[in-house]
Amino acid sequence: MAACEVCGNDYDLAFEVRVRSGAVHTFDSFECAIHQLAPICEHCQCRVVGHGIQVGQQFFCCAHCAREGAPEGDRARDSVGSMTG
């Protein structure tokens, strides 16, 4: 059994997530993993659970938020990772 690093629940079905930096995190649910690891939209502050969109070094949950919150956001379109040039 392993304890979730977010809620502390000691659970026999806990799982590990390894991130690019090499860090290893232990969670008892996807909810806790999302709470700890998902980026936050820089416009509406929701957790980016899906693909989202990146403009420069900023992350957004959707093209609408990118258009509202980034200087280059007017080029953002609702298509996975799409920026028109």
Protein backbone atom coordinates (compact mmCIF):
# COMPACT_ATOMS: atom_id res chain seq x y z
CA MET A 1 0.00 0.00 0.00
CA ALA A 2 1.11 3.56 -0.68
CA ALA A 3 -0.09 6.90 0.63
CA CYS A 4 -1.41 9.57 -1.75
CA GLU A 5 0.75 12.68 -1.57
CA VAL A 6 -2.31 14.95 -1.92
CA CYS A 7 -4.92 13.49 0.44
CA GLY A 8 -2.81 11.05 2.47
CA ASN A 9 -5.11 8.11 1.78
CA ASP A 10 -3.23 4.81 2.16
CA TYR A 11 -4.62 2.76 -0.73
CA ASP A 12 -3.67 -0.62 -2.18
CA LEU A 13 -4.45 0.58 -5.73
CA ALA A 14 -2.35 3.75 -5.52
CA PHE A 15 -0.29 4.53 -8.62
CA GLU A 16 2.83 6.47 -9.52
CA VAL A 17 3.24 9.22 -12.09
CA ARG A 18 6.71 10.03 -13.36
CA VAL A 19 7.18 13.52 -14.76
CA ARG A 20 9.70 14.92 -17.21
CA SER A 21 11.92 16.31 -14.42
CA GLY A 22 12.36 12.77 -13.11
CA ALA A 23 10.18 13.31 -10.03
CA VAL A 24 7.87 10.45 -9.04
CA HIS A 25 4.46 11.21 -7.49
CA THR A 26 2.08 8.79 -5.76
CA PHE A 27 -1.70 9.23 -5.94
CA ASP A 28 -4.79 7.25 -4.97
CA SER A 29 -6.99 8.77 -7.70
CA PHE A 30 -6.86 10.70 -10.94
CA GLU A 31 -8.60 13.53 -9.10
CA CYS A 32 -5.61 13.94 -6.77
CA ALA A 33 -3.15 13.61 -9.68
CA ILE A 34 -4.97 16.35 -11.59
CA HIS A 35 -5.07 18.58 -8.51
CA GLN A 36 -1.31 18.23 -8.05
CA LEU A 37 0.00 18.12 -11.63
CA ALA A 38 -2.39 19.69 -14.14
CA PRO A 39 -1.44 23.18 -15.32
CA ILE A 40 -3.80 26.05 -14.52
CA CYS A 41 -5.35 28.13 -17.31
CA GLU A 42 -3.77 31.57 -17.15
CA HIS A 43 -7.07 33.24 -18.05
CA CYS A 44 -9.90 31.47 -16.19
CA GLN A 45 -7.77 29.61 -13.61
CA CYS A 46 -9.37 26.19 -14.24
CA ARG A 47 -7.21 23.05 -14.32
CA VAL A 48 -6.19 22.12 -17.87
CA VAL A 49 -7.19 18.46 -18.03
CA GLY A 50 -7.40 18.02 -21.81
CA HIS A 51 -5.00 19.12 -24.52
CA GLY A 52 -5.38 22.82 -23.85
CA ILE A 53 -3.35 25.30 -25.84
CA GLN A 54 0.05 26.88 -25.31
CA VAL A 55 0.86 30.38 -26.54
CA GLY A 56 4.49 31.21 -25.93
CA GLN A 57 5.14 30.06 -22.36
CA GLN A 58 1.50 30.44 -21.27
CA PHE A 59 -1.01 27.58 -20.94
CA PHE A 60 -4.75 27.93 -21.51
CA CYS A 61 -7.67 25.50 -21.33
CA CYS A 62 -9.07 26.58 -24.72
CA ALA A 63 -8.58 28.95 -27.65
CA HIS A 64 -11.12 31.40 -26.20
CA CYS A 65 -9.02 31.84 -23.05
CA ALA A 66 -5.84 32.08 -25.15
CA ARG A 67 -7.42 34.85 -27.26
CA GLU A 68 -8.45 36.69 -24.08
CA GLY A 69 -5.26 36.18 -22.10
CA ALA A 70 -2.23 36.16 -24.40
CA PRO A 71 -0.70 38.94 -26.52
CA GLU A 72 -0.51 36.54 -29.50
CA GLY A 73 -3.80 34.87 -28.57
CA ASP A 74 -5.72 36.40 -31.45
CA ARG A 75 -4.14 33.70 -33.63
CA ALA A 76 -5.41 30.83 -31.43
CA ARG A 77 -7.97 28.49 -32.96
CA ASP A 78 -10.07 25.69 -31.45
CA SER A 79 -7.99 22.82 -32.79
CA VAL A 80 -5.51 20.77 -30.78
CA GLY A 81 -2.34 22.85 -30.49
CA SER A 82 -3.19 24.89 -33.58
CA MET A 83 -1.80 28.36 -34.17
CA THR A 84 -2.33 29.92 -37.57
CA GLY A 85 0.46 31.98 -39.00
